[in-house]
PDB file of N, CA and C in Angstrom:
ATOM      1  N   PHE A   1      -8.357 -36.381  40.968  1.00  0.00           N
ATOM      2  CA  PHE A   1      -7.126 -36.952  41.456  1.00  0.00           C
ATOM      3  C   PHE A   1      -6.393 -37.626  40.298  1.00  0.00           C
ATOM      4  N   THR A   2      -5.092 -37.665  40.389  1.00  0.00           N
ATOM      5  CA  THR A   2      -4.330 -38.463  39.438  1.00  0.00           C
ATOM      6  C   THR A   2      -4.229 -39.883  39.980  1.00  0.00           C
ATOM      7  N   VAL A   3      -3.868 -40.814  39.115  1.00  0.00           N
ATOM      8  CA  VAL A   3      -3.675 -42.193  39.557  1.00  0.00           C
ATOM      9  C   VAL A   3      -2.598 -42.233  40.632  1.00  0.00           C
ATOM     10  N   ALA A   4      -1.515 -41.481  40.433  1.00  0.00           N
ATOM     11  CA  ALA A   4      -0.418 -41.461  41.409  1.00  0.00           C
ATOM     12  C   ALA A   4      -0.900 -40.967  42.771  1.00  0.00           C
ATOM     13  N   GLU A   5      -1.749 -39.939  42.789  1.00  0.00           N
ATOM     14  CA  GLU A   5      -2.270 -39.417  44.060  1.00  0.00           C
ATOM     15  C   GLU A   5      -3.132 -40.458  44.769  1.00  0.00           C
ATOM     16  N   LEU A   6      -3.959 -41.159  44.020  1.00  0.00           N
ATOM     17  CA  LEU A   6      -4.817 -42.179  44.618  1.00  0.00           C
ATOM     18  C   LEU A   6      -3.996 -43.340  45.167  1.00  0.00           C
ATOM     19  N   LEU A   7      -2.985 -43.762  44.419  1.00  0.00           N
ATOM     20  CA  LEU A   7      -2.127 -44.851  44.891  1.00  0.00           C
ATOM     21  C   LEU A   7      -1.347 -44.434  46.130  1.00  0.00           C
ATOM     22  N   LYS A   8      -0.869 -43.200  46.151  1.00  0.00           N
ATOM     23  CA  LYS A   8      -0.127 -42.690  47.309  1.00  0.00           C
ATOM     24  C   LYS A   8      -1.015 -42.661  48.551  1.00  0.00           C
ATOM     25  N   ALA A   9      -2.310 -42.410  48.352  1.00  0.00           N
ATOM     26  CA  ALA A   9      -3.261 -42.366  49.466  1.00  0.00           C
ATOM     27  C   ALA A   9      -3.677 -43.765  49.916  1.00  0.00           C
ATOM     28  N   GLY A  10      -3.208 -44.796  49.213  1.00  0.00           N
ATOM     29  CA  GLY A  10      -3.508 -46.163  49.616  1.00  0.00           C
ATOM     30  C   GLY A  10      -4.666 -46.812  48.890  1.00  0.00           C
ATOM     31  N   ALA A  11      -5.160 -46.192  47.840  1.00  0.00           N
ATOM     32  CA  ALA A  11      -6.285 -46.763  47.098  1.00  0.00           C
ATOM     33  C   ALA A  11      -5.844 -47.994  46.314  1.00  0.00           C
ATOM     34  N   ALA A  12      -6.707 -48.992  46.280  1.00  0.00           N
ATOM     35  CA  ALA A  12      -6.498 -50.172  45.437  1.00  0.00           C
ATOM     36  C   ALA A  12      -7.321 -49.955  44.177  1.00  0.00           C
ATOM     37  N   LEU A  13      -6.652 -49.776  43.061  1.00  0.00           N
ATOM     38  CA  LEU A  13      -7.333 -49.427  41.819  1.00  0.00           C
ATOM     39  C   LEU A  13      -7.387 -50.609  40.860  1.00  0.00           C
ATOM     40  N   PRO A  14      -8.468 -50.695  40.073  1.00  0.00           N
ATOM     41  CA  PRO A  14      -8.509 -51.720  39.030  1.00  0.00           C
ATOM     42  C   PRO A  14      -7.489 -51.376  37.944  1.00  0.00           C
ATOM     43  N   GLU A  15      -7.088 -52.362  37.177  1.00  0.00           N
ATOM     44  CA  GLU A  15      -6.081 -52.146  36.133  1.00  0.00           C
ATOM     45  C   GLU A  15      -6.500 -51.047  35.162  1.00  0.00           C
ATOM     46  N   SER A  16      -7.786 -50.989  34.831  1.00  0.00           N
ATOM     47  CA  SER A  16      -8.254 -49.968  33.895  1.00  0.00           C
ATOM     48  C   SER A  16      -8.001 -48.563  34.426  1.00  0.00           C
ATOM     49  N   ALA A  17      -8.059 -48.376  35.726  1.00  0.00           N
ATOM     50  CA  ALA A  17      -7.786 -47.059  36.311  1.00  0.00           C
ATOM     51  C   ALA A  17      -6.299 -46.752  36.286  1.00  0.00           C
ATOM     52  N   ASN A  18      -5.476 -47.775  36.475  1.00  0.00           N
ATOM     53  CA  ASN A  18      -4.029 -47.564  36.506  1.00  0.00           C
ATOM     54  C   ASN A  18      -3.487 -47.020  35.197  1.00  0.00           C
ATOM     55  N   VAL A  19      -4.148 -47.304  34.095  1.00  0.00           N
ATOM     56  CA  VAL A  19      -3.674 -46.831  32.796  1.00  0.00           C
ATOM     57  C   VAL A  19      -4.494 -45.646  32.274  1.00  0.00           C
ATOM     58  N   HIS A  20      -5.457 -45.169  33.063  1.00  0.00           N
ATOM     59  CA  HIS A  20      -6.279 -44.033  32.631  1.00  0.00           C
ATOM     60  C   HIS A  20      -5.421 -42.772  32.601  1.00  0.00           C
ATOM     61  N   PRO A  21      -5.409 -42.054  31.477  1.00  0.00           N
ATOM     62  CA  PRO A  21      -4.512 -40.907  31.353  1.00  0.00           C
ATOM     63  C   PRO A  21      -4.983 -39.629  32.044  1.00  0.00           C
ATOM     64  N   GLY A  22      -6.264 -39.517  32.322  1.00  0.00           N
ATOM     65  CA  GLY A  22      -6.783 -38.267  32.861  1.00  0.00           C
ATOM     66  C   GLY A  22      -7.071 -38.337  34.342  1.00  0.00           C
ATOM     67  N   PRO A  23      -7.640 -37.255  34.868  1.00  0.00           N
ATOM     68  CA  PRO A  23      -7.978 -37.229  36.294  1.00  0.00           C
ATOM     69  C   PRO A  23      -9.160 -38.146  36.596  1.00  0.00           C
ATOM     70  N   LEU A  24      -9.216 -38.574  37.848  1.00  0.00           N
ATOM     71  CA  LEU A  24     -10.301 -39.430  38.321  1.00  0.00           C
ATOM     72  C   LEU A  24     -10.954 -38.777  39.532  1.00  0.00           C
ATOM     73  N   ALA A  25     -12.256 -38.906  39.629  1.00  0.00           N
ATOM     74  CA  ALA A  25     -12.984 -38.432  40.803  1.00  0.00           C
ATOM     75  C   ALA A  25     -13.393 -39.643  41.627  1.00  0.00           C
ATOM     76  N   VAL A  26     -13.359 -39.507  42.931  1.00  0.00           N
ATOM     77  CA  VAL A  26     -13.851 -40.559  43.818  1.00  0.00           C
ATOM     78  C   VAL A  26     -15.279 -40.181  44.191  1.00  0.00           C
ATOM     79  N   VAL A  27     -16.224 -41.044  43.838  1.00  0.00           N
ATOM     80  CA  VAL A  27     -17.639 -40.766  44.056  1.00  0.00           C
ATOM     81  C   VAL A  27     -18.167 -41.753  45.087  1.00  0.00           C
ATOM     82  N   GLN A  28     -18.781 -41.225  46.138  1.00  0.00           N
ATOM     83  CA  GLN A  28     -19.344 -42.067  47.194  1.00  0.00           C
ATOM     84  C   GLN A  28     -20.838 -42.234  46.960  1.00  0.00           C
ATOM     85  N   LEU A  29     -21.266 -43.492  46.843  1.00  0.00           N
ATOM     86  CA  LEU A  29     -22.680 -43.810  46.654  1.00  0.00           C
ATOM     87  C   LEU A  29     -23.208 -44.440  47.933  1.00  0.00           C
ATOM     88  N   HIS A  30     -24.253 -43.863  48.491  1.00  0.00           N
ATOM     89  CA  HIS A  30     -24.836 -44.368  49.735  1.00  0.00           C
ATOM     90  C   HIS A  30     -25.766 -45.533  49.432  1.00  0.00           C
ATOM     91  N   ASN A  31     -25.753 -46.526  50.307  1.00  0.00           N
ATOM     92  CA  ASN A  31     -26.525 -47.756  50.110  1.00  0.00           C
ATOM     93  C   ASN A  31     -27.457 -48.025  51.283  1.00  0.00           C
ATOM     94  N   GLY A  32     -28.227 -47.053  51.660  1.00  0.00           N
ATOM     95  CA  GLY A  32     -29.129 -47.233  52.795  1.00  0.00           C
ATOM     96  C   GLY A  32     -28.348 -47.522  54.050  1.00  0.00           C
ATOM     97  N   GLY A  33     -28.661 -48.625  54.739  1.00  0.00           N
ATOM     98  CA  GLY A  33     -27.971 -48.988  55.966  1.00  0.00           C
ATOM     99  C   GLY A  33     -26.648 -49.699  55.747  1.00  0.00           C
ATOM    100  N   ASP A  34     -26.355 -50.069  54.503  1.00  0.00           N
ATOM    101  CA  ASP A  34     -25.096 -50.750  54.199  1.00  0.00           C
ATOM    102  C   ASP A  34     -23.977 -49.729  54.009  1.00  0.00           C
ATOM    103  N   ALA A  35     -22.761 -50.231  53.984  1.00  0.00           N
ATOM    104  CA  ALA A  35     -21.599 -49.360  53.776  1.00  0.00           C
ATOM    105  C   ALA A  35     -21.684 -48.702  52.401  1.00  0.00           C
ATOM    106  N   PRO A  36     -21.213 -47.468  52.281  1.00  0.00           N
ATOM    107  CA  PRO A  36     -21.238 -46.808  50.973  1.00  0.00           C
ATOM    108  C   PRO A  36     -20.292 -47.495  49.990  1.00  0.00           C
ATOM    109  N   THR A  37     -20.584 -47.316  48.727  1.00  0.00           N
ATOM    110  CA  THR A  37     -19.743 -47.829  47.651  1.00  0.00           C
ATOM    111  C   THR A  37     -18.957 -46.665  47.078  1.00  0.00           C
ATOM    112  N   LEU A  38     -17.678 -46.879  46.820  1.00  0.00           N
ATOM    113  CA  LEU A  38     -16.850 -45.866  46.177  1.00  0.00           C
ATOM    114  C   LEU A  38     -16.591 -46.292  44.740  1.00  0.00           C
ATOM    115  N   VAL A  39     -16.814 -45.381  43.813  1.00  0.00           N
ATOM    116  CA  VAL A  39     -16.520 -45.635  42.405  1.00  0.00           C
ATOM    117  C   VAL A  39     -15.631 -44.510  41.896  1.00  0.00           C
ATOM    118  N   LEU A  40     -14.891 -44.799  40.847  1.00  0.00           N
ATOM    119  CA  LEU A  40     -14.058 -43.785  40.218  1.00  0.00           C
ATOM    120  C   LEU A  40     -14.798 -43.210  39.030  1.00  0.00           C
ATOM    121  N   GLY A  41     -14.810 -41.902  38.944  1.00  0.00           N
ATOM    122  CA  GLY A  41     -15.461 -41.227  37.835  1.00  0.00           C
ATOM    123  C   GLY A  41     -14.438 -40.587  36.914  1.00  0.00           C
ATOM    124  N   THR A  42     -14.659 -40.722  35.611  1.00  0.00           N
ATOM    125  CA  THR A  42     -13.791 -40.109  34.606  1.00  0.00           C
ATOM    126  C   THR A  42     -14.477 -38.860  34.059  1.00  0.00           C
ATOM    127  N   GLN A  43     -13.931 -38.291  33.021  1.00  0.00           N
ATOM    128  CA  GLN A  43     -14.531 -37.131  32.366  1.00  0.00           C
ATOM    129  C   GLN A  43     -15.943 -37.462  31.883  1.00  0.00           C
ATOM    130  N   ASN A  44     -16.160 -38.696  31.423  1.00  0.00           N
ATOM    131  CA  ASN A  44     -17.501 -39.096  30.974  1.00  0.00           C
ATOM    132  C   ASN A  44     -18.513 -39.015  32.113  1.00  0.00           C
ATOM    133  N   PHE A  45     -18.101 -39.432  33.303  1.00  0.00           N
ATOM    134  CA  PHE A  45     -18.981 -39.368  34.469  1.00  0.00           C
ATOM    135  C   PHE A  45     -19.383 -37.916  34.724  1.00  0.00           C
ATOM    136  N   TRP A  46     -18.403 -37.036  34.716  1.00  0.00           N
ATOM    137  CA  TRP A  46     -18.663 -35.607  34.944  1.00  0.00           C
ATOM    138  C   TRP A  46     -19.603 -35.066  33.867  1.00  0.00           C
ATOM    139  N   THR A  47     -19.362 -35.453  32.617  1.00  0.00           N
ATOM    140  CA  THR A  47     -20.185 -34.961  31.513  1.00  0.00           C
ATOM    141  C   THR A  47     -21.644 -35.367  31.690  1.00  0.00           C
ATOM    142  N   VAL A  48     -21.888 -36.609  32.080  1.00  0.00           N
ATOM    143  CA  VAL A  48     -23.264 -37.067  32.293  1.00  0.00           C
ATOM    144  C   VAL A  48     -23.914 -36.273  33.421  1.00  0.00           C
ATOM    145  N   THR A  49     -23.156 -35.930  34.460  1.00  0.00           N
ATOM    146  CA  THR A  49     -23.750 -35.182  35.573  1.00  0.00           C
ATOM    147  C   THR A  49     -24.048 -33.727  35.214  1.00  0.00           C
ATOM    148  N   ARG A  50     -23.622 -33.255  34.078  1.00  0.00           N
ATOM    149  CA  ARG A  50     -24.020 -31.910  33.643  1.00  0.00           C
ATOM    150  C   ARG A  50     -25.485 -31.939  33.232  1.00  0.00           C
ATOM    151  N   TYR A  51     -25.966 -33.090  32.752  1.00  0.00           N
ATOM    152  CA  TYR A  51     -27.368 -33.231  32.367  1.00  0.00           C
ATOM    153  C   TYR A  51     -28.234 -33.492  33.592  1.00  0.00           C
ATOM    154  N   ASN A  52     -27.771 -34.374  34.459  1.00  0.00           N
ATOM    155  CA  ASN A  52     -28.505 -34.730  35.671  1.00  0.00           C
ATOM    156  C   ASN A  52     -27.474 -34.884  36.784  1.00  0.00           C
ATOM    157  N   TRP A  53     -27.580 -34.107  37.842  1.00  0.00           N
ATOM    158  CA  TRP A  53     -26.565 -34.042  38.886  1.00  0.00           C
ATOM    159  C   TRP A  53     -26.446 -35.311  39.722  1.00  0.00           C
ATOM    160  N   SER A  54     -27.335 -36.242  39.565  1.00  0.00           N
ATOM    161  CA  SER A  54     -27.320 -37.452  40.379  1.00  0.00           C
ATOM    162  C   SER A  54     -26.178 -38.385  39.974  1.00  0.00           C
ATOM    163  N   ALA A  55     -25.334 -38.741  40.943  1.00  0.00           N
ATOM    164  CA  ALA A  55     -24.258 -39.697  40.682  1.00  0.00           C
ATOM    165  C   ALA A  55     -24.842 -41.065  40.337  1.00  0.00           C
ATOM    166  N   TYR A  56     -25.989 -41.399  40.911  1.00  0.00           N
ATOM    167  CA  TYR A  56     -26.638 -42.681  40.616  1.00  0.00           C
ATOM    168  C   TYR A  56     -27.096 -42.719  39.156  1.00  0.00           C
ATOM    169  N   TYR A  57     -27.643 -41.613  38.678  1.00  0.00           N
ATOM    170  CA  TYR A  57     -28.063 -41.514  37.282  1.00  0.00           C
ATOM    171  C   TYR A  57     -26.854 -41.666  36.361  1.00  0.00           C
ATOM    172  N   ALA A  58     -25.787 -40.943  36.673  1.00  0.00           N
ATOM    173  CA  ALA A  58     -24.581 -41.004  35.840  1.00  0.00           C
ATOM    174  C   ALA A  58     -24.029 -42.423  35.790  1.00  0.00           C
ATOM    175  N   LEU A  59     -23.984 -43.082  36.929  1.00  0.00           N
ATOM    176  CA  LEU A  59     -23.475 -44.451  36.970  1.00  0.00           C
ATOM    177  C   LEU A  59     -24.367 -45.382  36.150  1.00  0.00           C
ATOM    178  N   ALA A  60     -25.680 -45.211  36.251  1.00  0.00           N
ATOM    179  CA  ALA A  60     -26.610 -46.047  35.483  1.00  0.00           C
ATOM    180  C   ALA A  60     -26.426 -45.839  33.982  1.00  0.00           C
ATOM    181  N   VAL A  61     -26.256 -44.595  33.553  1.00  0.00           N
ATOM    182  CA  VAL A  61     -26.056 -44.299  32.132  1.00  0.00           C
ATOM    183  C   VAL A  61     -24.769 -44.947  31.633  1.00  0.00           C
ATOM    184  N   ILE A  62     -23.701 -44.821  32.407  1.00  0.00           N
ATOM    185  CA  ILE A  62     -22.413 -45.379  31.998  1.00  0.00           C
ATOM    186  C   ILE A  62     -22.462 -46.904  31.978  1.00  0.00           C
ATOM    187  N   GLU A  63     -23.081 -47.517  32.988  1.00  0.00           N
ATOM    188  CA  GLU A  63     -23.188 -48.980  33.008  1.00  0.00           C
ATOM    189  C   GLU A  63     -24.057 -49.484  31.862  1.00  0.00           C
ATOM    190  N   LEU A  64     -25.120 -48.762  31.538  1.00  0.00           N
ATOM    191  CA  LEU A  64     -25.954 -49.146  30.403  1.00  0.00           C
ATOM    192  C   LEU A  64     -25.147 -49.069  29.110  1.00  0.00           C
ATOM    193  N   GLY A  65     -24.378 -48.013  28.948  1.00  0.00           N
ATOM    194  CA  GLY A  65     -23.532 -47.884  27.761  1.00  0.00           C
ATOM    195  C   GLY A  65     -22.533 -49.019  27.645  1.00  0.00           C
ATOM    196  N   GLU A  66     -21.945 -49.410  28.762  1.00  0.00           N
ATOM    197  CA  GLU A  66     -20.992 -50.528  28.753  1.00  0.00           C
ATOM    198  C   GLU A  66     -21.686 -51.836  28.388  1.00  0.00           C
ATOM    199  N   ALA A  67     -22.906 -52.035  28.886  1.00  0.00           N
ATOM    200  CA  ALA A  67     -23.657 -53.254  28.571  1.00  0.00           C
ATOM    201  C   ALA A  67     -24.026 -53.296  27.090  1.00  0.00           C
ATOM    202  N   VAL A  68     -24.441 -52.171  26.532  1.00  0.00           N
ATOM    203  CA  VAL A  68     -24.779 -52.108  25.107  1.00  0.00           C
ATOM    204  C   VAL A  68     -23.533 -52.393  24.271  1.00  0.00           C
ATOM    205  N   LYS A  69     -22.417 -51.794  24.637  1.00  0.00           N
ATOM    206  CA  LYS A  69     -21.166 -52.022  23.909  1.00  0.00           C
ATOM    207  C   LYS A  69     -20.773 -53.497  23.957  1.00  0.00           C
ATOM    208  N   ALA A  70     -20.854 -54.112  25.129  1.00  0.00           N
ATOM    209  CA  ALA A  70     -20.498 -55.524  25.270  1.00  0.00           C
ATOM    210  C   ALA A  70     -21.399 -56.397  24.404  1.00  0.00           C
ATOM    211  N   GLN A  71     -22.689 -56.089  24.373  1.00  0.00           N
ATOM    212  CA  GLN A  71     -23.632 -56.866  23.565  1.00  0.00           C
ATOM    213  C   GLN A  71     -23.332 -56.702  22.081  1.00  0.00           C
ATOM    214  N   ARG A  72     -23.020 -55.492  21.665  1.00  0.00           N
ATOM    215  CA  ARG A  72     -22.722 -55.250  20.246  1.00  0.00           C
ATOM    216  C   ARG A  72     -21.456 -55.975  19.820  1.00  0.00           C
ATOM    217  N   LEU A  73     -20.484 -56.080  20.725  1.00  0.00           N
ATOM    218  CA  LEU A  73     -19.244 -56.786  20.397  1.00  0.00           C
ATOM    219  C   LEU A  73     -19.470 -58.289  20.262  1.00  0.00           C
ATOM    220  N   GLN A  74     -20.496 -58.817  20.934  1.00  0.00           N
ATOM    221  CA  GLN A  74     -20.801 -60.250  20.875  1.00  0.00           C
ATOM    222  C   GLN A  74     -21.685 -60.607  19.688  1.00  0.00           C
ATOM    223  N   THR A  75     -22.425 -59.645  19.176  1.00  0.00           N
ATOM    224  CA  THR A  75     -23.372 -59.896  18.093  1.00  0.00           C
ATOM    225  C   THR A  75     -22.665 -59.772  16.745  1.00  0.00           C
ATOM    226  N   PRO A  76     -22.733 -60.839  15.925  1.00  0.00           N
ATOM    227  CA  PRO A  76     -22.060 -60.787  14.609  1.00  0.00           C
ATOM    228  C   PRO A  76     -22.735 -59.839  13.641  1.00  0.00           C
TER     229      PRO A  76
END
């Protein structure tokens, strides 16, 4: 989906998504008996799922990468 398509459909997007230049995928993650979580996937998300088809795996890899990046930016 494009950002414009998601906004037209009524999605509330984070600022980072509003300025994303490429397509976004809406990924539904099931949480047992709780309501599912919806996340937006970029090209990186799709690329990770070529190695392992699990959306949970892809999300974990991306979140780990973000945590490593944040730590490296804080470390002199």
